[in-house]
Amino acid sequence: MNIIRLPKKFDYSFRDEIYKNIGKSNIVLDFKRTIYMDSTALGLMLMLNSKRDSIKIKLINVNNKVWPILKMANFDMLFKIEGM
């Protein structure tokens, strides 16, 4: 299992960490510290999800700061989400 601990501010500046995990299986995105995310973060997550036939992605520790953004983008339909 590959756990990616997301930063306080999840945006395009975190792309290198996401890119190095493309192709790995069983990815967990940990939102424990994240209080801000923008549309580029959503795009990075979609890029990971585009390979979903070969990988499984789970979002954990989703808090009330980022949950509305994920819900508005219907990411609850794309990813398994825990910790809301």
PDB file of N, CA and C in Angstrom:
ATOM      1  N   MET A   1       0.840  -1.168   0.000  1.00  0.00           N
ATOM      2  CA  MET A   1       0.000   0.000   0.000  1.00  0.00           C
ATOM      3  C   MET A   1       0.895   1.245   0.000  1.00  0.00           C
ATOM      4  N   ASN A   2       0.608   2.167  -0.886  1.00  0.00           N
ATOM      5  CA  ASN A   2       1.370   3.406  -1.000  1.00  0.00           C
ATOM      6  C   ASN A   2       0.565   4.547  -0.405  1.00  0.00           C
ATOM      7  N   ILE A   3       1.022   5.057   0.739  1.00  0.00           N
ATOM      8  CA  ILE A   3       0.321   6.158   1.399  1.00  0.00           C
ATOM      9  C   ILE A   3       0.980   7.469   1.008  1.00  0.00           C
ATOM     10  N   ILE A   4       0.167   8.374   0.467  1.00  0.00           N
ATOM     11  CA  ILE A   4       0.642   9.710   0.126  1.00  0.00           C
ATOM     12  C   ILE A   4       0.042  10.664   1.150  1.00  0.00           C
ATOM     13  N   ARG A   5       0.880  11.224   1.990  1.00  0.00           N
ATOM     14  CA  ARG A   5       0.417  12.177   2.991  1.00  0.00           C
ATOM     15  C   ARG A   5       0.392  13.563   2.354  1.00  0.00           C
ATOM     16  N   LEU A   6      -0.809  14.032   2.119  1.00  0.00           N
ATOM     17  CA  LEU A   6      -0.977  15.302   1.419  1.00  0.00           C
ATOM     18  C   LEU A   6      -0.613  16.476   2.316  1.00  0.00           C
ATOM     19  N   PRO A   7      -0.138  17.560   1.705  1.00  0.00           N
ATOM     20  CA  PRO A   7       0.268  18.730   2.493  1.00  0.00           C
ATOM     21  C   PRO A   7      -0.927  19.551   2.959  1.00  0.00           C
ATOM     22  N   LYS A   8      -0.651  20.538   3.773  1.00  0.00           N
ATOM     23  CA  LYS A   8      -1.690  21.450   4.261  1.00  0.00           C
ATOM     24  C   LYS A   8      -2.398  22.127   3.096  1.00  0.00           C
ATOM     25  N   LYS A   9      -1.615  22.522   2.099  1.00  0.00           N
ATOM     26  CA  LYS A   9      -2.155  23.152   0.889  1.00  0.00           C
ATOM     27  C   LYS A   9      -1.891  22.204  -0.281  1.00  0.00           C
ATOM     28  N   PHE A  10      -2.937  21.522  -0.727  1.00  0.00           N
ATOM     29  CA  PHE A  10      -2.821  20.547  -1.813  1.00  0.00           C
ATOM     30  C   PHE A  10      -3.167  21.240  -3.121  1.00  0.00           C
ATOM     31  N   ASP A  11      -2.140  21.495  -3.918  1.00  0.00           N
ATOM     32  CA  ASP A  11      -2.322  22.146  -5.210  1.00  0.00           C
ATOM     33  C   ASP A  11      -1.274  21.604  -6.180  1.00  0.00           C
ATOM     34  N   TYR A  12      -1.087  22.287  -7.295  1.00  0.00           N
ATOM     35  CA  TYR A  12      -0.183  21.812  -8.349  1.00  0.00           C
ATOM     36  C   TYR A  12       1.268  21.670  -7.876  1.00  0.00           C
ATOM     37  N   SER A  13       1.646  22.381  -6.837  1.00  0.00           N
ATOM     38  CA  SER A  13       3.021  22.288  -6.344  1.00  0.00           C
ATOM     39  C   SER A  13       3.342  20.896  -5.792  1.00  0.00           C
ATOM     40  N   PHE A  14       2.322  20.088  -5.556  1.00  0.00           N
ATOM     41  CA  PHE A  14       2.507  18.733  -5.036  1.00  0.00           C
ATOM     42  C   PHE A  14       2.523  17.689  -6.154  1.00  0.00           C
ATOM     43  N   ARG A  15       2.571  18.124  -7.386  1.00  0.00           N
ATOM     44  CA  ARG A  15       2.457  17.237  -8.550  1.00  0.00           C
ATOM     45  C   ARG A  15       3.546  16.173  -8.621  1.00  0.00           C
ATOM     46  N   ASP A  16       4.778  16.510  -8.248  1.00  0.00           N
ATOM     47  CA  ASP A  16       5.866  15.530  -8.351  1.00  0.00           C
ATOM     48  C   ASP A  16       5.610  14.310  -7.477  1.00  0.00           C
ATOM     49  N   GLU A  17       5.070  14.529  -6.292  1.00  0.00           N
ATOM     50  CA  GLU A  17       4.746  13.410  -5.399  1.00  0.00           C
ATOM     51  C   GLU A  17       3.655  12.534  -6.016  1.00  0.00           C
ATOM     52  N   ILE A  18       2.668  13.163  -6.645  1.00  0.00           N
ATOM     53  CA  ILE A  18       1.599  12.410  -7.305  1.00  0.00           C
ATOM     54  C   ILE A  18       2.156  11.652  -8.510  1.00  0.00           C
ATOM     55  N   TYR A  19       2.963  12.337  -9.347  1.00  0.00           N
ATOM     56  CA  TYR A  19       3.510  11.710 -10.550  1.00  0.00           C
ATOM     57  C   TYR A  19       4.335  10.471 -10.233  1.00  0.00           C
ATOM     58  N   LYS A  20       5.104  10.511  -9.151  1.00  0.00           N
ATOM     59  CA  LYS A  20       5.958   9.350  -8.862  1.00  0.00           C
ATOM     60  C   LYS A  20       5.155   8.142  -8.389  1.00  0.00           C
ATOM     61  N   ASN A  21       3.878   8.335  -8.107  1.00  0.00           N
ATOM     62  CA  ASN A  21       3.026   7.221  -7.679  1.00  0.00           C
ATOM     63  C   ASN A  21       2.123   6.694  -8.791  1.00  0.00           C
ATOM     64  N   ILE A  22       2.190   7.305  -9.966  1.00  0.00           N
ATOM     65  CA  ILE A  22       1.390   6.814 -11.090  1.00  0.00           C
ATOM     66  C   ILE A  22       1.866   5.402 -11.448  1.00  0.00           C
ATOM     67  N   GLY A  23       0.935   4.508 -11.569  1.00  0.00           N
ATOM     68  CA  GLY A  23       1.261   3.133 -11.913  1.00  0.00           C
ATOM     69  C   GLY A  23       1.406   2.213 -10.715  1.00  0.00           C
ATOM     70  N   LYS A  24       1.531   2.792  -9.517  1.00  0.00           N
ATOM     71  CA  LYS A  24       1.598   1.955  -8.323  1.00  0.00           C
ATOM     72  C   LYS A  24       0.187   1.506  -7.966  1.00  0.00           C
ATOM     73  N   SER A  25       0.102   0.392  -7.305  1.00  0.00           N
ATOM     74  CA  SER A  25      -1.223  -0.115  -6.923  1.00  0.00           C
ATOM     75  C   SER A  25      -1.530   0.242  -5.478  1.00  0.00           C
ATOM     76  N   ASN A  26      -2.826   0.227  -5.168  1.00  0.00           N
ATOM     77  CA  ASN A  26      -3.299   0.465  -3.808  1.00  0.00           C
ATOM     78  C   ASN A  26      -2.757   1.766  -3.212  1.00  0.00           C
ATOM     79  N   ILE A  27      -3.164   2.861  -3.798  1.00  0.00           N
ATOM     80  CA  ILE A  27      -2.745   4.180  -3.336  1.00  0.00           C
ATOM     81  C   ILE A  27      -3.751   4.716  -2.323  1.00  0.00           C
ATOM     82  N   VAL A  28      -3.229   5.264  -1.233  1.00  0.00           N
ATOM     83  CA  VAL A  28      -4.047   5.905  -0.211  1.00  0.00           C
ATOM     84  C   VAL A  28      -3.631   7.368  -0.144  1.00  0.00           C
ATOM     85  N   LEU A  29      -4.592   8.259  -0.345  1.00  0.00           N
ATOM     86  CA  LEU A  29      -4.334   9.688  -0.197  1.00  0.00           C
ATOM     87  C   LEU A  29      -4.813  10.101   1.186  1.00  0.00           C
ATOM     88  N   ASP A  30      -3.877  10.545   2.023  1.00  0.00           N
ATOM     89  CA  ASP A  30      -4.184  10.905   3.406  1.00  0.00           C
ATOM     90  C   ASP A  30      -4.356  12.423   3.511  1.00  0.00           C
ATOM     91  N   PHE A  31      -5.575  12.848   3.807  1.00  0.00           N
ATOM     92  CA  PHE A  31      -5.933  14.264   3.889  1.00  0.00           C
ATOM     93  C   PHE A  31      -5.832  14.822   5.305  1.00  0.00           C
ATOM     94  N   LYS A  32      -5.176  14.124   6.210  1.00  0.00           N
ATOM     95  CA  LYS A  32      -5.151  14.519   7.621  1.00  0.00           C
ATOM     96  C   LYS A  32      -4.713  15.971   7.822  1.00  0.00           C
ATOM     97  N   ARG A  33      -3.691  16.422   7.111  1.00  0.00           N
ATOM     98  CA  ARG A  33      -3.178  17.788   7.283  1.00  0.00           C
ATOM     99  C   ARG A  33      -3.810  18.797   6.338  1.00  0.00           C
ATOM    100  N   THR A  34      -4.541  18.334   5.356  1.00  0.00           N
ATOM    101  CA  THR A  34      -5.011  19.203   4.276  1.00  0.00           C
ATOM    102  C   THR A  34      -6.199  20.059   4.702  1.00  0.00           C
ATOM    103  N   ILE A  35      -6.037  21.369   4.546  1.00  0.00           N
ATOM    104  CA  ILE A  35      -7.144  22.292   4.833  1.00  0.00           C
ATOM    105  C   ILE A  35      -7.526  23.106   3.596  1.00  0.00           C
ATOM    106  N   TYR A  36      -6.730  22.943   2.523  1.00  0.00           N
ATOM    107  CA  TYR A  36      -7.006  23.670   1.287  1.00  0.00           C
ATOM    108  C   TYR A  36      -6.650  22.781   0.107  1.00  0.00           C
ATOM    109  N   MET A  37      -7.503  22.795  -0.901  1.00  0.00           N
ATOM    110  CA  MET A  37      -7.161  22.154  -2.165  1.00  0.00           C
ATOM    111  C   MET A  37      -7.831  22.943  -3.284  1.00  0.00           C
ATOM    112  N   ASP A  38      -7.204  22.941  -4.447  1.00  0.00           N
ATOM    113  CA  ASP A  38      -7.772  23.681  -5.570  1.00  0.00           C
ATOM    114  C   ASP A  38      -8.073  22.747  -6.732  1.00  0.00           C
ATOM    115  N   SER A  39      -8.467  23.330  -7.839  1.00  0.00           N
ATOM    116  CA  SER A  39      -8.871  22.522  -8.996  1.00  0.00           C
ATOM    117  C   SER A  39      -7.714  21.725  -9.583  1.00  0.00           C
ATOM    118  N   THR A  40      -6.491  22.211  -9.441  1.00  0.00           N
ATOM    119  CA  THR A  40      -5.366  21.431  -9.962  1.00  0.00           C
ATOM    120  C   THR A  40      -5.166  20.161  -9.136  1.00  0.00           C
ATOM    121  N   ALA A  41      -5.464  20.219  -7.847  1.00  0.00           N
ATOM    122  CA  ALA A  41      -5.394  19.020  -7.007  1.00  0.00           C
ATOM    123  C   ALA A  41      -6.427  18.000  -7.476  1.00  0.00           C
ATOM    124  N   LEU A  42      -7.618  18.485  -7.803  1.00  0.00           N
ATOM    125  CA  LEU A  42      -8.647  17.588  -8.334  1.00  0.00           C
ATOM    126  C   LEU A  42      -8.168  16.946  -9.634  1.00  0.00           C
ATOM    127  N   GLY A  43      -7.527  17.730 -10.481  1.00  0.00           N
ATOM    128  CA  GLY A  43      -6.993  17.206 -11.736  1.00  0.00           C
ATOM    129  C   GLY A  43      -5.933  16.142 -11.511  1.00  0.00           C
ATOM    130  N   LEU A  44      -5.062  16.352 -10.525  1.00  0.00           N
ATOM    131  CA  LEU A  44      -4.042  15.355 -10.209  1.00  0.00           C
ATOM    132  C   LEU A  44      -4.684  14.053  -9.730  1.00  0.00           C
ATOM    133  N   MET A  45      -5.733  14.186  -8.951  1.00  0.00           N
ATOM    134  CA  MET A  45      -6.439  12.995  -8.486  1.00  0.00           C
ATOM    135  C   MET A  45      -7.121  12.279  -9.641  1.00  0.00           C
ATOM    136  N   LEU A  46      -7.678  13.025 -10.563  1.00  0.00           N
ATOM    137  CA  LEU A  46      -8.300  12.410 -11.745  1.00  0.00           C
ATOM    138  C   LEU A  46      -7.267  11.685 -12.595  1.00  0.00           C
ATOM    139  N   MET A  47      -6.074  12.263 -12.678  1.00  0.00           N
ATOM    140  CA  MET A  47      -5.007  11.620 -13.441  1.00  0.00           C
ATOM    141  C   MET A  47      -4.660  10.267 -12.826  1.00  0.00           C
ATOM    142  N   LEU A  48      -4.553  10.209 -11.496  1.00  0.00           N
ATOM    143  CA  LEU A  48      -4.319   8.923 -10.829  1.00  0.00           C
ATOM    144  C   LEU A  48      -5.458   7.957 -11.108  1.00  0.00           C
ATOM    145  N   ASN A  49      -6.664   8.469 -11.067  1.00  0.00           N
ATOM    146  CA  ASN A  49      -7.854   7.636 -11.248  1.00  0.00           C
ATOM    147  C   ASN A  49      -7.998   7.128 -12.679  1.00  0.00           C
ATOM    148  N   SER A  50      -7.383   7.798 -13.637  1.00  0.00           N
ATOM    149  CA  SER A  50      -7.509   7.374 -15.032  1.00  0.00           C
ATOM    150  C   SER A  50      -6.902   5.992 -15.250  1.00  0.00           C
ATOM    151  N   LYS A  51      -6.071   5.550 -14.335  1.00  0.00           N
ATOM    152  CA  LYS A  51      -5.453   4.226 -14.411  1.00  0.00           C
ATOM    153  C   LYS A  51      -6.134   3.243 -13.472  1.00  0.00           C
ATOM    154  N   ARG A  52      -7.401   3.499 -13.139  1.00  0.00           N
ATOM    155  CA  ARG A  52      -8.073   2.749 -12.088  1.00  0.00           C
ATOM    156  C   ARG A  52      -8.264   1.264 -12.387  1.00  0.00           C
ATOM    157  N   ASP A  53      -8.113   0.834 -13.639  1.00  0.00           N
ATOM    158  CA  ASP A  53      -8.212  -0.600 -13.914  1.00  0.00           C
ATOM    159  C   ASP A  53      -7.084  -1.362 -13.241  1.00  0.00           C
ATOM    160  N   SER A  54      -5.950  -0.695 -13.101  1.00  0.00           N
ATOM    161  CA  SER A  54      -4.795  -1.385 -12.538  1.00  0.00           C
ATOM    162  C   SER A  54      -4.475  -0.963 -11.113  1.00  0.00           C
ATOM    163  N   ILE A  55      -5.096   0.105 -10.613  1.00  0.00           N
ATOM    164  CA  ILE A  55      -4.813   0.555  -9.251  1.00  0.00           C
ATOM    165  C   ILE A  55      -6.105   0.828  -8.494  1.00  0.00           C
ATOM    166  N   LYS A  56      -5.998   0.818  -7.186  1.00  0.00           N
ATOM    167  CA  LYS A  56      -7.117   1.171  -6.318  1.00  0.00           C
ATOM    168  C   LYS A  56      -6.696   2.382  -5.504  1.00  0.00           C
ATOM    169  N   ILE A  57      -7.574   3.374  -5.434  1.00  0.00           N
ATOM    170  CA  ILE A  57      -7.266   4.599  -4.707  1.00  0.00           C
ATOM    171  C   ILE A  57      -8.306   4.790  -3.604  1.00  0.00           C
ATOM    172  N   LYS A  58      -7.809   5.088  -2.413  1.00  0.00           N
ATOM    173  CA  LYS A  58      -8.694   5.355  -1.291  1.00  0.00           C
ATOM    174  C   LYS A  58      -8.282   6.703  -0.686  1.00  0.00           C
ATOM    175  N   LEU A  59      -9.267   7.497  -0.283  1.00  0.00           N
ATOM    176  CA  LEU A  59      -9.020   8.768   0.383  1.00  0.00           C
ATOM    177  C   LEU A  59      -9.348   8.584   1.857  1.00  0.00           C
ATOM    178  N   ILE A  60      -8.411   8.950   2.726  1.00  0.00           N
ATOM    179  CA  ILE A  60      -8.649   8.797   4.161  1.00  0.00           C
ATOM    180  C   ILE A  60      -8.477  10.132   4.881  1.00  0.00           C
ATOM    181  N   ASN A  61      -9.016  10.186   6.098  1.00  0.00           N
ATOM    182  CA  ASN A  61      -8.919  11.370   6.950  1.00  0.00           C
ATOM    183  C   ASN A  61      -9.431  12.631   6.267  1.00  0.00           C
ATOM    184  N   VAL A  62     -10.455  12.461   5.447  1.00  0.00           N
ATOM    185  CA  VAL A  62     -11.064  13.615   4.773  1.00  0.00           C
ATOM    186  C   VAL A  62     -11.793  14.435   5.836  1.00  0.00           C
ATOM    187  N   ASN A  63     -11.496  15.726   5.877  1.00  0.00           N
ATOM    188  CA  ASN A  63     -12.079  16.584   6.908  1.00  0.00           C
ATOM    189  C   ASN A  63     -13.124  17.530   6.317  1.00  0.00           C
ATOM    190  N   ASN A  64     -13.724  18.312   7.169  1.00  0.00           N
ATOM    191  CA  ASN A  64     -14.798  19.213   6.720  1.00  0.00           C
ATOM    192  C   ASN A  64     -14.306  20.412   5.918  1.00  0.00           C
ATOM    193  N   LYS A  65     -12.998  20.590   5.791  1.00  0.00           N
ATOM    194  CA  LYS A  65     -12.448  21.659   4.943  1.00  0.00           C
ATOM    195  C   LYS A  65     -12.423  21.237   3.472  1.00  0.00           C
ATOM    196  N   VAL A  66     -12.105  19.970   3.217  1.00  0.00           N
ATOM    197  CA  VAL A  66     -11.984  19.503   1.832  1.00  0.00           C
ATOM    198  C   VAL A  66     -13.178  18.676   1.365  1.00  0.00           C
ATOM    199  N   TRP A  67     -13.956  18.125   2.301  1.00  0.00           N
ATOM    200  CA  TRP A  67     -15.099  17.310   1.912  1.00  0.00           C
ATOM    201  C   TRP A  67     -16.055  18.045   0.976  1.00  0.00           C
ATOM    202  N   PRO A  68     -16.436  19.307   1.239  1.00  0.00           N
ATOM    203  CA  PRO A  68     -17.363  19.981   0.316  1.00  0.00           C
ATOM    204  C   PRO A  68     -16.829  20.073  -1.121  1.00  0.00           C
ATOM    205  N   ILE A  69     -15.534  20.242  -1.252  1.00  0.00           N
ATOM    206  CA  ILE A  69     -14.927  20.325  -2.589  1.00  0.00           C
ATOM    207  C   ILE A  69     -15.023  18.969  -3.292  1.00  0.00           C
ATOM    208  N   LEU A  70     -14.681  17.908  -2.566  1.00  0.00           N
ATOM    209  CA  LEU A  70     -14.757  16.568  -3.150  1.00  0.00           C
ATOM    210  C   LEU A  70     -16.191  16.198  -3.504  1.00  0.00           C
ATOM    211  N   LYS A  71     -17.117  16.546  -2.643  1.00  0.00           N
ATOM    212  CA  LYS A  71     -18.529  16.239  -2.886  1.00  0.00           C
ATOM    213  C   LYS A  71     -19.048  17.011  -4.101  1.00  0.00           C
ATOM    214  N   MET A  72     -18.709  18.308  -4.189  1.00  0.00           N
ATOM    215  CA  MET A  72     -19.167  19.125  -5.306  1.00  0.00           C
ATOM    216  C   MET A  72     -18.651  18.577  -6.643  1.00  0.00           C
ATOM    217  N   ALA A  73     -17.447  18.025  -6.625  1.00  0.00           N
ATOM    218  CA  ALA A  73     -16.856  17.458  -7.837  1.00  0.00           C
ATOM    219  C   ALA A  73     -17.284  16.008  -8.071  1.00  0.00           C
ATOM    220  N   ASN A  74     -18.185  15.497  -7.231  1.00  0.00           N
ATOM    221  CA  ASN A  74     -18.667  14.113  -7.315  1.00  0.00           C
ATOM    222  C   ASN A  74     -17.561  13.076  -7.149  1.00  0.00           C
ATOM    223  N   PHE A  75     -16.519  13.425  -6.426  1.00  0.00           N
ATOM    224  CA  PHE A  75     -15.432  12.479  -6.204  1.00  0.00           C
ATOM    225  C   PHE A  75     -15.844  11.349  -5.284  1.00  0.00           C
ATOM    226  N   ASP A  76     -16.939  11.524  -4.564  1.00  0.00           N
ATOM    227  CA  ASP A  76     -17.434  10.430  -3.739  1.00  0.00           C
ATOM    228  C   ASP A  76     -17.943   9.284  -4.609  1.00  0.00           C
ATOM    229  N   MET A  77     -18.179   9.558  -5.885  1.00  0.00           N
ATOM    230  CA  MET A  77     -18.596   8.515  -6.831  1.00  0.00           C
ATOM    231  C   MET A  77     -17.392   7.819  -7.479  1.00  0.00           C
ATOM    232  N   LEU A  78     -16.229   8.463  -7.424  1.00  0.00           N
ATOM    233  CA  LEU A  78     -15.032   7.926  -8.073  1.00  0.00           C
ATOM    234  C   LEU A  78     -14.087   7.189  -7.128  1.00  0.00           C
ATOM    235  N   PHE A  79     -14.078   7.623  -5.871  1.00  0.00           N
ATOM    236  CA  PHE A  79     -13.100   7.107  -4.920  1.00  0.00           C
ATOM    237  C   PHE A  79     -13.795   6.570  -3.675  1.00  0.00           C
ATOM    238  N   LYS A  80     -13.157   5.629  -3.035  1.00  0.00           N
ATOM    239  CA  LYS A  80     -13.605   5.202  -1.708  1.00  0.00           C
ATOM    240  C   LYS A  80     -13.075   6.248  -0.735  1.00  0.00           C
ATOM    241  N   ILE A  81     -13.972   6.829   0.070  1.00  0.00           N
ATOM    242  CA  ILE A  81     -13.605   7.910   0.967  1.00  0.00           C
ATOM    243  C   ILE A  81     -13.938   7.500   2.396  1.00  0.00           C
ATOM    244  N   GLU A  82     -12.942   7.682   3.282  1.00  0.00           N
ATOM    245  CA  GLU A  82     -13.129   7.378   4.702  1.00  0.00           C
ATOM    246  C   GLU A  82     -12.767   8.600   5.540  1.00  0.00           C
ATOM    247  N   GLY A  83     -13.435   8.720   6.680  1.00  0.00           N
ATOM    248  CA  GLY A  83     -13.073   9.754   7.643  1.00  0.00           C
ATOM    249  C   GLY A  83     -13.723  11.084   7.416  1.00  0.00           C
ATOM    250  N   MET A  84     -14.979  11.075   6.976  1.00  0.00           N
ATOM    251  CA  MET A  84     -15.671  12.344   6.764  1.00  0.00           C
ATOM    252  C   MET A  84     -16.380  12.761   8.020  1.00  0.00           C
TER     253      MET A  84
END
